[in-house]
Structures are given as C-alpha cells and as structure tokens.
C-alpha cells in the first residue's frame, strides 16, 4: 500500500487519484481557517511557488477535527484561502484526519506508511507529511514547525 492507492475529492468537487502525483515530492497538510497556525498558509504557498518547477506540490486537506476551527463549506474554505493567502496549490474537500471517521489516506499516513518514526495520531491542524518521488514518507513536521524550518528537507527531496 502507498499514498497512490487513495482517491479523494478536490475542493471543487472532482475525484482525484493520488496516483496523479506519482513522481512528485508531495507535502500533505491538514489545514484550518480559524487556527493559530493558519498564517502558515503563506509559507506553504511560498514553498510551493519556489519548488513547483522541480515537481514539488503542497496538498491541503481542510479538517474540522480540532475545536471546530474549519467550520466552513468547501466553497467558503476555497474563497478564504484564495482571498487571504492567494493559495494556488491543490486543496481538497474537508476530511477527518483523526477519530472513528478518519479518512483512509490519513489512516495510512498516521500509521507511518510502514515507518514507525513517522507514525502517530495527528495532534492538531497543520501537521505535515513529506512524501518522496516514490511515494514513501520521508518526513513528518508537527503543527508548530513553520514551513521555513523544513525547507532543507524539501530541497534535498527535489534534487
């Protein structure tokens, strides 16, 4: 099993296979619009713009799992992201990243994809998983870790 085995719905309502990101370096982030970490959208967008020509992509997964900090509809989330942060990286429909209704992709990610060092529940919004070009988890960054703090991991992965 790998991240390529999952299909999700984009924020615009289209089905999207994770296989479409095969061969790319991917940063998956569970997001929320009303969180103290929401300003990280700016740094995530900057990393995406800087490295997208090297087949790097950020994928945003809105979630309302933590103190209801993402209460809006997909359309409201999309508007918030584009208006406030000029987000151009792919965003997906709201999902659960913990609990009994956890999305299978996040069940896989929190299992560590077979690597114990990356396993564990998502503790809060803006937990980030870095995936290499082969679909392997190569990094996990907790919510407090600003995008700039793991730039070197992305630089190494896109080489």
C-alpha atoms as a PDB file:
ATOM      1  CA  UNK A   1       0.000   0.000   0.000  1.00  0.00           C
ATOM      2  CA  UNK A   2       1.151   3.569  -0.720  1.00  0.00           C
ATOM      3  CA  UNK A   3      -0.325   7.059  -0.942  1.00  0.00           C
ATOM      4  CA  UNK A   4      -1.012   6.329  -4.609  1.00  0.00           C
ATOM      5  CA  UNK A   5      -3.767   3.888  -3.646  1.00  0.00           C
ATOM      6  CA  UNK A   6      -6.117   6.640  -2.466  1.00  0.00           C
ATOM      7  CA  UNK A   7      -8.683   8.789  -4.212  1.00  0.00           C
ATOM      8  CA  UNK A   8     -10.076  11.988  -2.768  1.00  0.00           C
ATOM      9  CA  UNK A   9     -12.408  14.789  -3.734  1.00  0.00           C
ATOM     10  CA  UNK A  10     -10.931  18.154  -4.639  1.00  0.00           C
ATOM     11  CA  UNK A  11     -12.275  21.324  -3.078  1.00  0.00           C
ATOM     12  CA  UNK A  12     -14.092  21.881  -6.403  1.00  0.00           C
ATOM     13  CA  UNK A  13     -15.871  18.505  -6.145  1.00  0.00           C
ATOM     14  CA  UNK A  14     -13.798  16.470  -8.607  1.00  0.00           C
ATOM     15  CA  UNK A  15     -12.445  12.992  -7.912  1.00  0.00           C
ATOM     16  CA  UNK A  16      -8.660  12.986  -7.836  1.00  0.00           C
ATOM     17  CA  UNK A  17      -6.382   9.976  -7.579  1.00  0.00           C
ATOM     18  CA  UNK A  18      -3.239  10.397  -5.533  1.00  0.00           C
ATOM     19  CA  UNK A  19      -1.580   8.473  -8.343  1.00  0.00           C
ATOM     20  CA  UNK A  20      -1.713  11.763 -10.296  1.00  0.00           C
ATOM     21  CA  UNK A  21       1.122  12.925  -8.015  1.00  0.00           C
ATOM     22  CA  UNK A  22       3.377   9.934  -8.731  1.00  0.00           C
ATOM     23  CA  UNK A  23       6.968  11.030  -9.335  1.00  0.00           C
ATOM     24  CA  UNK A  24       6.492  14.290  -7.426  1.00  0.00           C
ATOM     25  CA  UNK A  25       7.677  15.321  -3.984  1.00  0.00           C
ATOM     26  CA  UNK A  26       4.474  15.931  -2.014  1.00  0.00           C
ATOM     27  CA  UNK A  27       3.780  17.791   1.221  1.00  0.00           C
ATOM     28  CA  UNK A  28       0.384  16.866   2.699  1.00  0.00           C
ATOM     29  CA  UNK A  29      -1.036  19.269   5.282  1.00  0.00           C
ATOM     30  CA  UNK A  30      -4.253  19.182   7.293  1.00  0.00           C
ATOM     31  CA  UNK A  31      -5.461  22.778   7.360  1.00  0.00           C
ATOM     32  CA  UNK A  32      -7.950  25.016   9.149  1.00  0.00           C
ATOM     33  CA  UNK A  33      -9.022  28.623   8.594  1.00  0.00           C
ATOM     34  CA  UNK A  34      -9.566  29.628  12.218  1.00  0.00           C
ATOM     35  CA  UNK A  35      -6.430  28.254  13.850  1.00  0.00           C
ATOM     36  CA  UNK A  36      -3.438  29.997  15.369  1.00  0.00           C
ATOM     37  CA  UNK A  37      -1.325  28.208  12.747  1.00  0.00           C
ATOM     38  CA  UNK A  38      -3.444  29.418   9.800  1.00  0.00           C
ATOM     39  CA  UNK A  39      -0.772  32.017   8.833  1.00  0.00           C
ATOM     40  CA  UNK A  40       1.387  29.028   7.801  1.00  0.00           C
ATOM     41  CA  UNK A  41      -0.620  29.054   4.565  1.00  0.00           C
ATOM     42  CA  UNK A  42       1.667  31.909   3.478  1.00  0.00           C
ATOM     43  CA  UNK A  43       4.861  29.884   3.976  1.00  0.00           C
ATOM     44  CA  UNK A  44       3.346  26.797   2.371  1.00  0.00           C
ATOM     45  CA  UNK A  45       2.380  28.833  -0.705  1.00  0.00           C
ATOM     46  CA  UNK A  46       5.924  30.276  -0.871  1.00  0.00           C
ATOM     47  CA  UNK A  47       7.471  26.782  -0.770  1.00  0.00           C
ATOM     48  CA  UNK A  48       5.062  25.599  -3.457  1.00  0.00           C
ATOM     49  CA  UNK A  49       5.917  28.516  -5.746  1.00  0.00           C
ATOM     50  CA  UNK A  50       9.634  28.117  -5.183  1.00  0.00           C
ATOM     51  CA  UNK A  51       9.836  24.365  -5.820  1.00  0.00           C
ATOM     52  CA  UNK A  52       6.916  23.523  -8.128  1.00  0.00           C
ATOM     53  CA  UNK A  53       9.194  23.617 -11.185  1.00  0.00           C
ATOM     54  CA  UNK A  54      11.128  20.766  -9.542  1.00  0.00           C
ATOM     55  CA  UNK A  55       7.958  18.633  -9.311  1.00  0.00           C
ATOM     56  CA  UNK A  56       7.084  19.608  -5.748  1.00  0.00           C
ATOM     57  CA  UNK A  57       3.472  20.061  -4.683  1.00  0.00           C
ATOM     58  CA  UNK A  58       1.673  21.009  -1.482  1.00  0.00           C
ATOM     59  CA  UNK A  59      -1.717  19.364  -0.929  1.00  0.00           C
ATOM     60  CA  UNK A  60      -4.117  20.942   1.559  1.00  0.00           C
ATOM     61  CA  UNK A  61      -6.698  18.864   3.422  1.00  0.00           C
ATOM     62  CA  UNK A  62      -9.119  21.032   5.412  1.00  0.00           C
ATOM     63  CA  UNK A  63     -10.330  19.383   8.588  1.00  0.00           C
ATOM     64  CA  UNK A  64     -12.751  20.450  11.296  1.00  0.00           C
ATOM     65  CA  UNK A  65     -11.427  17.885  13.792  1.00  0.00           C
ATOM     66  CA  UNK A  66      -9.753  20.287  16.211  1.00  0.00           C
ATOM     67  CA  UNK A  67     -12.036  22.644  18.163  1.00  0.00           C
ATOM     68  CA  UNK A  68     -14.181  23.163  15.035  1.00  0.00           C
ATOM     69  CA  UNK A  69     -11.565  25.504  13.541  1.00  0.00           C
ATOM     70  CA  UNK A  70     -12.654  24.734   9.959  1.00  0.00           C
ATOM     71  CA  UNK A  71     -16.443  25.213  10.082  1.00  0.00           C
ATOM     72  CA  UNK A  72     -16.945  26.479   6.521  1.00  0.00           C
ATOM     73  CA  UNK A  73     -18.127  24.744   3.371  1.00  0.00           C
ATOM     74  CA  UNK A  74     -15.619  23.786   0.692  1.00  0.00           C
ATOM     75  CA  UNK A  75     -16.589  26.899  -1.250  1.00  0.00           C
ATOM     76  CA  UNK A  76     -16.057  29.121   1.810  1.00  0.00           C
ATOM     77  CA  UNK A  77     -12.685  27.484   2.513  1.00  0.00           C
ATOM     78  CA  UNK A  78     -11.574  27.969  -1.092  1.00  0.00           C
ATOM     79  CA  UNK A  79     -12.603  31.634  -1.019  1.00  0.00           C
ATOM     80  CA  UNK A  80     -10.832  32.180   2.315  1.00  0.00           C
ATOM     81  CA  UNK A  81      -7.614  30.597   1.042  1.00  0.00           C
ATOM     82  CA  UNK A  82      -7.533  32.463  -2.249  1.00  0.00           C
ATOM     83  CA  UNK A  83      -8.602  35.821  -0.790  1.00  0.00           C
ATOM     84  CA  UNK A  84      -6.333  35.832   2.260  1.00  0.00           C
ATOM     85  CA  UNK A  85      -3.313  33.821   1.127  1.00  0.00           C
ATOM     86  CA  UNK A  86      -3.511  33.572  -2.698  1.00  0.00           C
ATOM     87  CA  UNK A  87      -3.351  29.780  -2.424  1.00  0.00           C
ATOM     88  CA  UNK A  88      -2.728  28.101  -5.771  1.00  0.00           C
ATOM     89  CA  UNK A  89      -1.659  24.640  -4.586  1.00  0.00           C
ATOM     90  CA  UNK A  90      -4.290  21.883  -4.741  1.00  0.00           C
ATOM     91  CA  UNK A  91      -6.865  21.872  -1.965  1.00  0.00           C
ATOM     92  CA  UNK A  92      -9.228  19.025  -1.200  1.00  0.00           C
ATOM     93  CA  UNK A  93     -12.681  18.663   0.253  1.00  0.00           C
ATOM     94  CA  UNK A  94     -12.892  18.675   4.036  1.00  0.00           C
ATOM     95  CA  UNK A  95     -11.961  15.315   5.609  1.00  0.00           C
ATOM     96  CA  UNK A  96     -11.387  13.766   9.025  1.00  0.00           C
ATOM     97  CA  UNK A  97      -7.757  13.274   9.968  1.00  0.00           C
ATOM     98  CA  UNK A  98      -8.435  11.519  13.286  1.00  0.00           C
ATOM     99  CA  UNK A  99     -11.083   9.528  15.104  1.00  0.00           C
ATOM    100  CA  UNK A 100     -13.508   6.844  14.001  1.00  0.00           C
ATOM    101  CA  UNK A 101     -14.227   8.585  10.671  1.00  0.00           C
ATOM    102  CA  UNK A 102     -10.572   9.175   9.763  1.00  0.00           C
ATOM    103  CA  UNK A 103     -10.033   9.264   6.005  1.00  0.00           C
ATOM    104  CA  UNK A 104      -8.145   6.151   4.779  1.00  0.00           C
ATOM    105  CA  UNK A 105      -5.313   8.361   3.447  1.00  0.00           C
ATOM    106  CA  UNK A 106      -4.751   9.776   6.915  1.00  0.00           C
ATOM    107  CA  UNK A 107      -5.090   6.343   8.463  1.00  0.00           C
ATOM    108  CA  UNK A 108      -2.208   5.327   6.184  1.00  0.00           C
ATOM    109  CA  UNK A 109      -0.163   8.465   6.946  1.00  0.00           C
ATOM    110  CA  UNK A 110      -0.597   8.167  10.720  1.00  0.00           C
ATOM    111  CA  UNK A 111       0.472   4.523  10.522  1.00  0.00           C
ATOM    112  CA  UNK A 112       3.776   5.916   9.228  1.00  0.00           C
ATOM    113  CA  UNK A 113       3.445   4.098   5.927  1.00  0.00           C
ATOM    114  CA  UNK A 114       5.377   1.240   7.490  1.00  0.00           C
ATOM    115  CA  UNK A 115       7.926   3.537   9.158  1.00  0.00           C
ATOM    116  CA  UNK A 116       7.471   3.722  12.913  1.00  0.00           C
ATOM    117  CA  UNK A 117       9.337   7.044  13.218  1.00  0.00           C
ATOM    118  CA  UNK A 118       6.546   8.791  11.256  1.00  0.00           C
ATOM    119  CA  UNK A 119       3.578   7.081  12.909  1.00  0.00           C
ATOM    120  CA  UNK A 120       1.229   8.608  15.457  1.00  0.00           C
ATOM    121  CA  UNK A 121      -2.043  10.469  15.577  1.00  0.00           C
ATOM    122  CA  UNK A 122      -2.380  13.927  14.078  1.00  0.00           C
ATOM    123  CA  UNK A 123      -2.336  16.137  17.163  1.00  0.00           C
ATOM    124  CA  UNK A 124      -3.532  19.408  15.618  1.00  0.00           C
ATOM    125  CA  UNK A 125      -4.063  21.417  12.449  1.00  0.00           C
ATOM    126  CA  UNK A 126      -1.083  21.946  10.146  1.00  0.00           C
ATOM    127  CA  UNK A 127       0.640  18.614  10.711  1.00  0.00           C
ATOM    128  CA  UNK A 128       2.732  17.987   7.600  1.00  0.00           C
ATOM    129  CA  UNK A 129       3.852  14.764   5.906  1.00  0.00           C
ATOM    130  CA  UNK A 130       6.646  14.886   3.294  1.00  0.00           C
ATOM    131  CA  UNK A 131       6.497  12.187   0.614  1.00  0.00           C
ATOM    132  CA  UNK A 132       9.331  11.400  -1.791  1.00  0.00           C
ATOM    133  CA  UNK A 133       9.035  10.730  -5.537  1.00  0.00           C
ATOM    134  CA  UNK A 134       8.466   7.007  -4.830  1.00  0.00           C
ATOM    135  CA  UNK A 135       5.512   7.603  -2.519  1.00  0.00           C
ATOM    136  CA  UNK A 136       7.466   6.966   0.684  1.00  0.00           C
ATOM    137  CA  UNK A 137       7.028   9.095   3.799  1.00  0.00           C
ATOM    138  CA  UNK A 138      10.375  10.798   4.426  1.00  0.00           C
ATOM    139  CA  UNK A 139       9.377  13.472   6.922  1.00  0.00           C
ATOM    140  CA  UNK A 140       6.752  14.494   9.417  1.00  0.00           C
ATOM    141  CA  UNK A 141       6.541  18.000  10.808  1.00  0.00           C
ATOM    142  CA  UNK A 142       4.326  18.960  13.703  1.00  0.00           C
ATOM    143  CA  UNK A 143       1.971  21.974  13.655  1.00  0.00           C
ATOM    144  CA  UNK A 144       4.346  24.359  15.424  1.00  0.00           C
ATOM    145  CA  UNK A 145       7.044  23.757  12.778  1.00  0.00           C
ATOM    146  CA  UNK A 146       6.822  26.665  10.359  1.00  0.00           C
ATOM    147  CA  UNK A 147       7.301  25.823   6.666  1.00  0.00           C
ATOM    148  CA  UNK A 148      10.671  27.587   6.576  1.00  0.00           C
ATOM    149  CA  UNK A 149      12.061  25.194   9.223  1.00  0.00           C
ATOM    150  CA  UNK A 150      11.882  22.177   6.912  1.00  0.00           C
ATOM    151  CA  UNK A 151      12.925  23.882   3.662  1.00  0.00           C
ATOM    152  CA  UNK A 152      16.182  21.883   3.636  1.00  0.00           C
ATOM    153  CA  UNK A 153      14.242  18.579   3.699  1.00  0.00           C
ATOM    154  CA  UNK A 154      12.295  19.724   0.632  1.00  0.00           C
ATOM    155  CA  UNK A 155      15.459  20.947  -1.119  1.00  0.00           C
ATOM    156  CA  UNK A 156      17.070  17.543  -0.563  1.00  0.00           C
ATOM    157  CA  UNK A 157      13.974  15.649  -1.748  1.00  0.00           C
ATOM    158  CA  UNK A 158      13.632  17.610  -5.007  1.00  0.00           C
ATOM    159  CA  UNK A 159      17.295  17.163  -6.045  1.00  0.00           C
END
